[in-house]
Amino acid sequence: MSHTRHLYSLTHDSTGSLMLGPLMTAVAAVRSVAAYLLVSLYVLVVAPPGIVIALVTGRVWLLYWLGRQGVRLGLRTVGIRYRVAGAEHVDRGRASVYCVNHASNLEPPVVYLALAAAHPQLRILYKAEMHKIPLLSTVFDTAGFVPIQRRNREQSRVAIDTAAAALRAGNSFLIFPEGTRSRTGELLPFKKGGFVMADRGHAAIVPMTILGTRQAMRRGSPIIRPVTVSVRIGAPIDPASAESGTRDAVMQATRAAMVDLLAAGPVTNPR
């Protein structure tokens, strides 16, 4: 009897997050499979006509709207909820580069919904490997997302120049300055590409953090567990201000702001 209680009891890790027992993990696995199937079917059915309408009419915002519905479908199926603090720092009237930490594959969809106020001006600087995915690559191209190959210096230069031009045209970008997922949840060293494009694009830097996604989807596992994710949006940092100084100083200021946001912990009273 005690052995059974041990198998199906809920324990806590060092961060206080719930670690699910075998039964609840099995339920999470079923919900995850359902989400993958539903979202894939949604993309196959909705994306082709959405792309055609966007290209013919120029209404690219339709792709953003359809994308948000697909993300909501997936997150609700697996039981992911999110809370946002600092939403007042999202300025739709100014091109900005939103910098967020990266510990899980769940961050892009959650953050994308959290930044809904920036749509449809929000674009993503993303790994070029994803551009090989059929249909999704067409959606990304139509929406103005920019792929980057970090190990290809010439392609990276072109990608940053393209993103900087989009920033000057009034579009914002979402980036993950660490460049890869953190195994521990602690911030990794930042890559300079996003800060170069922000500088050339005359855009503000908006530090952001997200907590809970690493517990929801552990690295190497396709299972998504139901948790409440916390998103914190910090005050914009103007690279052109005297306080910011050089590009390296801007990067360090952004990192320091993100460390403070992470230290603030989960969002309990969203604003």
C-alpha atoms as a PDB file:
ATOM      1  CA  MET A   1       0.000   0.000   0.000  1.00  0.00           C
ATOM      2  CA  SER A   2       2.788   2.394   0.897  1.00  0.00           C
ATOM      3  CA  HIS A   3       4.541   1.431  -2.345  1.00  0.00           C
ATOM      4  CA  THR A   4       1.402   2.358  -4.305  1.00  0.00           C
ATOM      5  CA  ARG A   5       1.184   5.695  -2.534  1.00  0.00           C
ATOM      6  CA  HIS A   6       4.805   6.309  -3.413  1.00  0.00           C
ATOM      7  CA  LEU A   7       4.198   5.604  -7.110  1.00  0.00           C
ATOM      8  CA  TYR A   8       1.192   7.857  -7.438  1.00  0.00           C
ATOM      9  CA  SER A   9       2.015  10.607  -5.009  1.00  0.00           C
ATOM     10  CA  LEU A  10       3.077  14.066  -6.076  1.00  0.00           C
ATOM     11  CA  THR A  11       6.484  15.257  -4.996  1.00  0.00           C
ATOM     12  CA  HIS A  12       8.156  18.673  -5.243  1.00  0.00           C
ATOM     13  CA  ASP A  13      11.460  19.561  -6.839  1.00  0.00           C
ATOM     14  CA  SER A  14      13.850  22.227  -5.528  1.00  0.00           C
ATOM     15  CA  THR A  15      11.865  25.011  -7.214  1.00  0.00           C
ATOM     16  CA  GLY A  16       8.607  23.941  -5.625  1.00  0.00           C
ATOM     17  CA  SER A  17       7.146  22.822  -8.975  1.00  0.00           C
ATOM     18  CA  LEU A  18       4.976  19.725  -8.981  1.00  0.00           C
ATOM     19  CA  MET A  19       6.538  16.590 -10.446  1.00  0.00           C
ATOM     20  CA  LEU A  20       3.843  14.327 -11.804  1.00  0.00           C
ATOM     21  CA  GLY A  21       3.516  10.656 -10.870  1.00  0.00           C
ATOM     22  CA  PRO A  22       3.252   7.877 -13.486  1.00  0.00           C
ATOM     23  CA  LEU A  23      -0.527   8.034 -13.816  1.00  0.00           C
ATOM     24  CA  MET A  24      -0.644  11.772 -14.411  1.00  0.00           C
ATOM     25  CA  THR A  25       2.372  11.519 -16.729  1.00  0.00           C
ATOM     26  CA  ALA A  26       0.425   9.003 -18.817  1.00  0.00           C
ATOM     27  CA  VAL A  27      -2.523  11.408 -18.966  1.00  0.00           C
ATOM     28  CA  ALA A  28      -0.162  14.215 -19.993  1.00  0.00           C
ATOM     29  CA  ALA A  29       1.271  11.979 -22.732  1.00  0.00           C
ATOM     30  CA  VAL A  30      -2.203  11.293 -24.149  1.00  0.00           C
ATOM     31  CA  ARG A  31      -3.052  15.005 -24.092  1.00  0.00           C
ATOM     32  CA  SER A  32       0.276  15.798 -25.762  1.00  0.00           C
ATOM     33  CA  VAL A  33      -0.379  13.349 -28.610  1.00  0.00           C
ATOM     34  CA  ALA A  34      -3.862  14.817 -29.026  1.00  0.00           C
ATOM     35  CA  ALA A  35      -2.404  18.327 -29.189  1.00  0.00           C
ATOM     36  CA  TYR A  36       0.209  17.366 -31.796  1.00  0.00           C
ATOM     37  CA  LEU A  37      -2.443  15.730 -33.968  1.00  0.00           C
ATOM     38  CA  LEU A  38      -4.981  18.545 -33.597  1.00  0.00           C
ATOM     39  CA  VAL A  39      -2.477  21.321 -34.316  1.00  0.00           C
ATOM     40  CA  SER A  40      -1.018  19.429 -37.294  1.00  0.00           C
ATOM     41  CA  LEU A  41      -4.492  18.922 -38.721  1.00  0.00           C
ATOM     42  CA  TYR A  42      -5.318  22.569 -38.055  1.00  0.00           C
ATOM     43  CA  VAL A  43      -2.216  23.714 -39.963  1.00  0.00           C
ATOM     44  CA  LEU A  44      -2.930  21.383 -42.901  1.00  0.00           C
ATOM     45  CA  VAL A  45      -6.525  22.598 -43.204  1.00  0.00           C
ATOM     46  CA  VAL A  46      -6.139  26.297 -42.400  1.00  0.00           C
ATOM     47  CA  ALA A  47      -2.680  27.280 -43.655  1.00  0.00           C
ATOM     48  CA  PRO A  48      -3.137  26.812 -47.453  1.00  0.00           C
ATOM     49  CA  PRO A  49      -6.231  29.036 -47.818  1.00  0.00           C
ATOM     50  CA  GLY A  50      -4.775  31.477 -45.277  1.00  0.00           C
ATOM     51  CA  ILE A  51      -1.587  31.845 -47.316  1.00  0.00           C
ATOM     52  CA  VAL A  52      -3.515  32.341 -50.563  1.00  0.00           C
ATOM     53  CA  ILE A  53      -5.790  34.998 -49.036  1.00  0.00           C
ATOM     54  CA  ALA A  54      -2.823  36.789 -47.446  1.00  0.00           C
ATOM     55  CA  LEU A  55      -0.865  36.845 -50.720  1.00  0.00           C
ATOM     56  CA  VAL A  56      -3.816  37.886 -52.902  1.00  0.00           C
ATOM     57  CA  THR A  57      -5.278  40.534 -50.594  1.00  0.00           C
ATOM     58  CA  GLY A  58      -2.142  41.625 -48.737  1.00  0.00           C
ATOM     59  CA  ARG A  59      -3.878  40.921 -45.414  1.00  0.00           C
ATOM     60  CA  VAL A  60      -0.928  39.309 -43.658  1.00  0.00           C
ATOM     61  CA  TRP A  61      -2.620  39.946 -40.309  1.00  0.00           C
ATOM     62  CA  LEU A  62      -4.894  37.000 -41.156  1.00  0.00           C
ATOM     63  CA  LEU A  63      -1.953  34.595 -40.806  1.00  0.00           C
ATOM     64  CA  TYR A  64      -1.171  36.024 -37.372  1.00  0.00           C
ATOM     65  CA  TRP A  65      -4.790  35.626 -36.293  1.00  0.00           C
ATOM     66  CA  LEU A  66      -4.963  32.060 -37.582  1.00  0.00           C
ATOM     67  CA  GLY A  67      -1.637  31.294 -35.909  1.00  0.00           C
ATOM     68  CA  ARG A  68      -2.873  32.525 -32.541  1.00  0.00           C
ATOM     69  CA  GLN A  69      -5.944  30.285 -32.771  1.00  0.00           C
ATOM     70  CA  GLY A  70      -3.738  27.273 -33.489  1.00  0.00           C
ATOM     71  CA  VAL A  71      -1.493  28.077 -30.536  1.00  0.00           C
ATOM     72  CA  ARG A  72      -4.491  28.474 -28.233  1.00  0.00           C
ATOM     73  CA  LEU A  73      -5.863  25.136 -29.437  1.00  0.00           C
ATOM     74  CA  GLY A  74      -2.604  23.371 -28.644  1.00  0.00           C
ATOM     75  CA  LEU A  75      -2.032  24.978 -25.243  1.00  0.00           C
ATOM     76  CA  ARG A  76      -5.587  24.363 -24.082  1.00  0.00           C
ATOM     77  CA  THR A  77      -5.422  20.729 -25.149  1.00  0.00           C
ATOM     78  CA  VAL A  78      -2.345  20.085 -22.992  1.00  0.00           C
ATOM     79  CA  GLY A  79      -3.563  22.285 -20.135  1.00  0.00           C
ATOM     80  CA  ILE A  80      -1.009  25.101 -20.320  1.00  0.00           C
ATOM     81  CA  ARG A  81      -2.097  28.410 -18.810  1.00  0.00           C
ATOM     82  CA  TYR A  82      -0.061  31.579 -18.542  1.00  0.00           C
ATOM     83  CA  ARG A  83       0.016  34.797 -16.535  1.00  0.00           C
ATOM     84  CA  VAL A  84       1.609  38.028 -17.725  1.00  0.00           C
ATOM     85  CA  ALA A  85       3.065  40.893 -15.690  1.00  0.00           C
ATOM     86  CA  GLY A  86       4.311  44.083 -17.330  1.00  0.00           C
ATOM     87  CA  ALA A  87       2.047  44.047 -20.384  1.00  0.00           C
ATOM     88  CA  GLU A  88       2.048  47.845 -20.267  1.00  0.00           C
ATOM     89  CA  HIS A  89       5.621  47.741 -21.625  1.00  0.00           C
ATOM     90  CA  VAL A  90       4.406  46.416 -24.987  1.00  0.00           C
ATOM     91  CA  ASP A  91       4.357  49.468 -27.257  1.00  0.00           C
ATOM     92  CA  ARG A  92       2.635  48.663 -30.527  1.00  0.00           C
ATOM     93  CA  GLY A  93       3.572  52.076 -31.866  1.00  0.00           C
ATOM     94  CA  ARG A  94       7.326  51.494 -31.692  1.00  0.00           C
ATOM     95  CA  ALA A  95       9.501  48.839 -33.261  1.00  0.00           C
ATOM     96  CA  SER A  96      11.075  46.759 -30.511  1.00  0.00           C
ATOM     97  CA  VAL A  97      13.194  43.656 -30.087  1.00  0.00           C
ATOM     98  CA  TYR A  98      11.705  41.426 -27.382  1.00  0.00           C
ATOM     99  CA  CYS A  99      14.435  39.337 -25.746  1.00  0.00           C
ATOM    100  CA  VAL A 100      13.316  36.254 -23.808  1.00  0.00           C
ATOM    101  CA  ASN A 101      15.129  33.403 -22.057  1.00  0.00           C
ATOM    102  CA  HIS A 102      15.015  29.941 -23.610  1.00  0.00           C
ATOM    103  CA  ALA A 103      14.675  26.695 -21.634  1.00  0.00           C
ATOM    104  CA  SER A 104      11.988  24.793 -23.553  1.00  0.00           C
ATOM    105  CA  ASN A 105      10.289  24.446 -26.934  1.00  0.00           C
ATOM    106  CA  LEU A 106       7.152  25.855 -25.296  1.00  0.00           C
ATOM    107  CA  GLU A 107       8.467  29.408 -25.005  1.00  0.00           C
ATOM    108  CA  PRO A 108       7.798  30.573 -28.582  1.00  0.00           C
ATOM    109  CA  PRO A 109       4.029  29.804 -28.592  1.00  0.00           C
ATOM    110  CA  VAL A 110       3.438  31.068 -25.037  1.00  0.00           C
ATOM    111  CA  VAL A 111       5.396  34.285 -25.541  1.00  0.00           C
ATOM    112  CA  TYR A 112       3.733  34.823 -28.900  1.00  0.00           C
ATOM    113  CA  LEU A 113       0.340  34.890 -27.203  1.00  0.00           C
ATOM    114  CA  ALA A 114       1.660  37.061 -24.371  1.00  0.00           C
ATOM    115  CA  LEU A 115       2.748  39.624 -26.975  1.00  0.00           C
ATOM    116  CA  ALA A 116      -0.587  39.627 -28.785  1.00  0.00           C
ATOM    117  CA  ALA A 117      -0.747  43.422 -28.433  1.00  0.00           C
ATOM    118  CA  ALA A 118       2.224  43.657 -30.807  1.00  0.00           C
ATOM    119  CA  HIS A 119       0.513  41.692 -33.584  1.00  0.00           C
ATOM    120  CA  PRO A 120       0.675  41.718 -36.547  1.00  0.00           C
ATOM    121  CA  GLN A 121       3.901  43.723 -36.372  1.00  0.00           C
ATOM    122  CA  LEU A 122       5.681  40.998 -34.401  1.00  0.00           C
ATOM    123  CA  ARG A 123       8.075  38.783 -36.319  1.00  0.00           C
ATOM    124  CA  ILE A 124      10.547  36.112 -35.232  1.00  0.00           C
ATOM    125  CA  LEU A 125      14.255  35.648 -35.852  1.00  0.00           C
ATOM    126  CA  TYR A 126      14.381  31.845 -35.850  1.00  0.00           C
ATOM    127  CA  LYS A 127      16.744  28.937 -36.518  1.00  0.00           C
ATOM    128  CA  ALA A 128      17.023  28.260 -40.239  1.00  0.00           C
ATOM    129  CA  GLU A 129      16.563  24.508 -39.645  1.00  0.00           C
ATOM    130  CA  MET A 130      12.843  25.150 -39.139  1.00  0.00           C
ATOM    131  CA  HIS A 131      12.646  26.620 -42.635  1.00  0.00           C
ATOM    132  CA  LYS A 132      12.892  23.073 -44.009  1.00  0.00           C
ATOM    133  CA  ILE A 133       9.439  22.185 -42.630  1.00  0.00           C
ATOM    134  CA  PRO A 134       6.940  22.145 -45.550  1.00  0.00           C
ATOM    135  CA  LEU A 135       4.040  24.598 -45.384  1.00  0.00           C
ATOM    136  CA  LEU A 136       5.318  26.135 -42.144  1.00  0.00           C
ATOM    137  CA  SER A 137       8.192  27.688 -44.072  1.00  0.00           C
ATOM    138  CA  THR A 138       5.726  29.298 -46.491  1.00  0.00           C
ATOM    139  CA  VAL A 139       3.732  30.714 -43.590  1.00  0.00           C
ATOM    140  CA  PHE A 140       6.908  32.103 -42.006  1.00  0.00           C
ATOM    141  CA  ASP A 141       8.049  33.679 -45.284  1.00  0.00           C
ATOM    142  CA  THR A 142       4.644  35.252 -45.905  1.00  0.00           C
ATOM    143  CA  ALA A 143       4.531  36.634 -42.358  1.00  0.00           C
ATOM    144  CA  GLY A 144       7.997  38.161 -42.718  1.00  0.00           C
ATOM    145  CA  PHE A 145       9.833  35.929 -40.231  1.00  0.00           C
ATOM    146  CA  VAL A 146      13.605  35.794 -40.753  1.00  0.00           C
ATOM    147  CA  PRO A 147      15.626  32.515 -40.635  1.00  0.00           C
ATOM    148  CA  ILE A 148      19.219  32.684 -39.420  1.00  0.00           C
ATOM    149  CA  GLN A 149      22.082  30.174 -39.657  1.00  0.00           C
ATOM    150  CA  ARG A 150      24.325  31.077 -36.745  1.00  0.00           C
ATOM    151  CA  ARG A 151      27.241  29.023 -38.099  1.00  0.00           C
ATOM    152  CA  ASN A 152      27.035  30.634 -41.541  1.00  0.00           C
ATOM    153  CA  ARG A 153      28.522  34.100 -41.170  1.00  0.00           C
ATOM    154  CA  GLU A 154      27.405  35.392 -44.574  1.00  0.00           C
ATOM    155  CA  GLN A 155      23.827  34.142 -44.184  1.00  0.00           C
ATOM    156  CA  SER A 156      23.696  35.537 -40.649  1.00  0.00           C
ATOM    157  CA  ARG A 157      24.797  38.938 -41.929  1.00  0.00           C
ATOM    158  CA  VAL A 158      22.084  38.950 -44.580  1.00  0.00           C
ATOM    159  CA  ALA A 159      19.475  37.815 -42.044  1.00  0.00           C
ATOM    160  CA  ILE A 160      20.418  40.559 -39.575  1.00  0.00           C
ATOM    161  CA  ASP A 161      20.337  43.194 -42.332  1.00  0.00           C
ATOM    162  CA  THR A 162      16.886  41.942 -43.402  1.00  0.00           C
ATOM    163  CA  ALA A 163      15.602  42.075 -39.821  1.00  0.00           C
ATOM    164  CA  ALA A 164      17.077  45.535 -39.266  1.00  0.00           C
ATOM    165  CA  ALA A 165      15.284  46.823 -42.385  1.00  0.00           C
ATOM    166  CA  ALA A 166      12.015  45.351 -41.072  1.00  0.00           C
ATOM    167  CA  LEU A 167      12.579  47.094 -37.730  1.00  0.00           C
ATOM    168  CA  ARG A 168      13.127  50.422 -39.479  1.00  0.00           C
ATOM    169  CA  ALA A 169       9.829  49.804 -41.295  1.00  0.00           C
ATOM    170  CA  GLY A 170       8.053  49.599 -37.924  1.00  0.00           C
ATOM    171  CA  ASN A 171       7.950  45.846 -37.300  1.00  0.00           C
ATOM    172  CA  SER A 172       8.986  44.265 -34.000  1.00  0.00           C
ATOM    173  CA  PHE A 173      10.909  41.026 -33.458  1.00  0.00           C
ATOM    174  CA  LEU A 174      10.989  38.218 -30.915  1.00  0.00           C
ATOM    175  CA  ILE A 175      14.457  36.755 -30.292  1.00  0.00           C
ATOM    176  CA  PHE A 176      16.111  34.283 -27.953  1.00  0.00           C
ATOM    177  CA  PRO A 177      19.495  35.909 -27.255  1.00  0.00           C
ATOM    178  CA  GLU A 178      20.966  32.728 -25.728  1.00  0.00           C
ATOM    179  CA  GLY A 179      20.676  31.038 -29.123  1.00  0.00           C
ATOM    180  CA  THR A 180      19.896  27.643 -27.604  1.00  0.00           C
ATOM    181  CA  ARG A 181      17.951  26.132 -24.716  1.00  0.00           C
ATOM    182  CA  SER A 182      19.369  26.230 -21.207  1.00  0.00           C
ATOM    183  CA  ARG A 183      19.515  22.853 -19.455  1.00  0.00           C
ATOM    184  CA  THR A 184      19.371  24.403 -15.977  1.00  0.00           C
ATOM    185  CA  GLY A 185      17.077  27.369 -16.511  1.00  0.00           C
ATOM    186  CA  GLU A 186      19.920  29.789 -15.810  1.00  0.00           C
ATOM    187  CA  LEU A 187      20.758  32.339 -18.487  1.00  0.00           C
ATOM    188  CA  LEU A 188      23.417  31.261 -20.974  1.00  0.00           C
ATOM    189  CA  PRO A 189      25.834  33.717 -22.646  1.00  0.00           C
ATOM    190  CA  PHE A 190      24.076  36.007 -25.131  1.00  0.00           C
ATOM    191  CA  LYS A 191      24.676  36.075 -28.870  1.00  0.00           C
ATOM    192  CA  LYS A 192      25.228  39.522 -30.378  1.00  0.00           C
ATOM    193  CA  GLY A 193      23.115  39.169 -33.518  1.00  0.00           C
ATOM    194  CA  GLY A 194      19.850  40.390 -32.030  1.00  0.00           C
ATOM    195  CA  PHE A 195      21.519  43.423 -30.499  1.00  0.00           C
ATOM    196  CA  VAL A 196      23.250  44.264 -33.788  1.00  0.00           C
ATOM    197  CA  MET A 197      19.924  44.235 -35.627  1.00  0.00           C
ATOM    198  CA  ALA A 198      18.285  46.319 -32.882  1.00  0.00           C
ATOM    199  CA  ASP A 199      21.071  48.880 -33.177  1.00  0.00           C
ATOM    200  CA  ARG A 200      20.879  49.020 -36.979  1.00  0.00           C
ATOM    201  CA  GLY A 201      17.086  49.025 -36.864  1.00  0.00           C
ATOM    202  CA  HIS A 202      16.926  51.864 -34.289  1.00  0.00           C
ATOM    203  CA  ALA A 203      14.684  49.705 -32.113  1.00  0.00           C
ATOM    204  CA  ALA A 204      14.160  49.495 -28.372  1.00  0.00           C
ATOM    205  CA  ILE A 205      15.138  46.334 -26.505  1.00  0.00           C
ATOM    206  CA  VAL A 206      12.439  44.850 -24.255  1.00  0.00           C
ATOM    207  CA  PRO A 207      13.722  42.272 -21.727  1.00  0.00           C
ATOM    208  CA  MET A 208      11.360  39.388 -21.013  1.00  0.00           C
ATOM    209  CA  THR A 209      11.455  36.205 -18.951  1.00  0.00           C
ATOM    210  CA  ILE A 210       9.350  33.089 -18.773  1.00  0.00           C
ATOM    211  CA  LEU A 211       9.132  30.586 -15.921  1.00  0.00           C
ATOM    212  CA  GLY A 212       7.471  27.175 -15.851  1.00  0.00           C
ATOM    213  CA  THR A 213       8.078  25.958 -19.381  1.00  0.00           C
ATOM    214  CA  ARG A 214      11.081  23.836 -18.392  1.00  0.00           C
ATOM    215  CA  GLN A 215       8.888  21.940 -15.910  1.00  0.00           C
ATOM    216  CA  ALA A 216       6.104  21.660 -18.487  1.00  0.00           C
ATOM    217  CA  MET A 217       8.287  20.249 -21.253  1.00  0.00           C
ATOM    218  CA  ARG A 218      11.620  18.795 -20.236  1.00  0.00           C
ATOM    219  CA  ARG A 219      14.468  18.763 -22.713  1.00  0.00           C
ATOM    220  CA  GLY A 220      14.429  15.599 -24.810  1.00  0.00           C
ATOM    221  CA  SER A 221      10.835  14.727 -23.894  1.00  0.00           C
ATOM    222  CA  PRO A 222       7.828  15.296 -26.184  1.00  0.00           C
ATOM    223  CA  ILE A 223       5.415  15.155 -23.243  1.00  0.00           C
ATOM    224  CA  ILE A 224       3.851  18.478 -22.231  1.00  0.00           C
ATOM    225  CA  ARG A 225       2.632  18.651 -18.643  1.00  0.00           C
ATOM    226  CA  PRO A 226      -0.165  20.994 -17.487  1.00  0.00           C
ATOM    227  CA  VAL A 227       1.318  23.939 -15.592  1.00  0.00           C
ATOM    228  CA  THR A 228       0.737  27.662 -15.208  1.00  0.00           C
ATOM    229  CA  VAL A 229       3.525  29.600 -16.908  1.00  0.00           C
ATOM    230  CA  SER A 230       4.673  33.051 -15.763  1.00  0.00           C
ATOM    231  CA  VAL A 231       5.715  35.733 -18.271  1.00  0.00           C
ATOM    232  CA  ARG A 232       7.335  38.979 -17.121  1.00  0.00           C
ATOM    233  CA  ILE A 233       7.891  41.912 -19.485  1.00  0.00           C
ATOM    234  CA  GLY A 234      10.408  44.528 -18.396  1.00  0.00           C
ATOM    235  CA  ALA A 235      10.810  48.204 -19.168  1.00  0.00           C
ATOM    236  CA  PRO A 236      12.236  48.985 -22.644  1.00  0.00           C
ATOM    237  CA  ILE A 237      15.929  49.777 -22.995  1.00  0.00           C
ATOM    238  CA  ASP A 238      16.727  52.428 -25.590  1.00  0.00           C
ATOM    239  CA  PRO A 239      20.068  51.674 -27.293  1.00  0.00           C
ATOM    240  CA  ALA A 240      20.324  55.316 -28.335  1.00  0.00           C
ATOM    241  CA  SER A 241      20.101  56.671 -24.777  1.00  0.00           C
ATOM    242  CA  ALA A 242      23.172  58.010 -23.053  1.00  0.00           C
ATOM    243  CA  GLU A 243      22.687  55.520 -20.212  1.00  0.00           C
ATOM    244  CA  SER A 244      22.913  52.548 -22.547  1.00  0.00           C
ATOM    245  CA  GLY A 245      26.160  53.477 -24.269  1.00  0.00           C
ATOM    246  CA  THR A 246      27.867  50.855 -26.438  1.00  0.00           C
ATOM    247  CA  ARG A 247      26.289  47.751 -27.941  1.00  0.00           C
ATOM    248  CA  ASP A 248      28.004  45.570 -25.322  1.00  0.00           C
ATOM    249  CA  ALA A 249      26.646  47.819 -22.582  1.00  0.00           C
ATOM    250  CA  VAL A 250      23.133  47.417 -24.004  1.00  0.00           C
ATOM    251  CA  MET A 251      23.551  43.635 -24.023  1.00  0.00           C
ATOM    252  CA  GLN A 252      24.744  43.642 -20.417  1.00  0.00           C
ATOM    253  CA  ALA A 253      21.889  45.935 -19.357  1.00  0.00           C
ATOM    254  CA  THR A 254      19.405  43.589 -21.025  1.00  0.00           C
ATOM    255  CA  ARG A 255      20.926  40.577 -19.319  1.00  0.00           C
ATOM    256  CA  ALA A 256      20.861  42.298 -15.921  1.00  0.00           C
ATOM    257  CA  ALA A 257      17.195  43.213 -16.405  1.00  0.00           C
ATOM    258  CA  MET A 258      16.338  39.617 -17.318  1.00  0.00           C
ATOM    259  CA  VAL A 259      18.193  38.301 -14.251  1.00  0.00           C
ATOM    260  CA  ASP A 260      16.098  40.631 -12.082  1.00  0.00           C
ATOM    261  CA  LEU A 261      12.880  39.502 -13.780  1.00  0.00           C
ATOM    262  CA  LEU A 262      13.770  35.854 -13.213  1.00  0.00           C
ATOM    263  CA  ALA A 263      14.548  36.585  -9.575  1.00  0.00           C
ATOM    264  CA  ALA A 264      11.070  38.083  -9.163  1.00  0.00           C
ATOM    265  CA  GLY A 265       9.689  34.552  -9.470  1.00  0.00           C
ATOM    266  CA  PRO A 266       6.263  33.408 -10.662  1.00  0.00           C
ATOM    267  CA  VAL A 267       3.540  35.950 -11.475  1.00  0.00           C
ATOM    268  CA  THR A 268       0.867  35.878  -8.769  1.00  0.00           C
ATOM    269  CA  ASN A 269      -0.877  39.172  -9.484  1.00  0.00           C
ATOM    270  CA  PRO A 270      -0.791  39.711 -13.256  1.00  0.00           C
ATOM    271  CA  ARG A 271      -1.111  43.265 -14.522  1.00  0.00           C
END
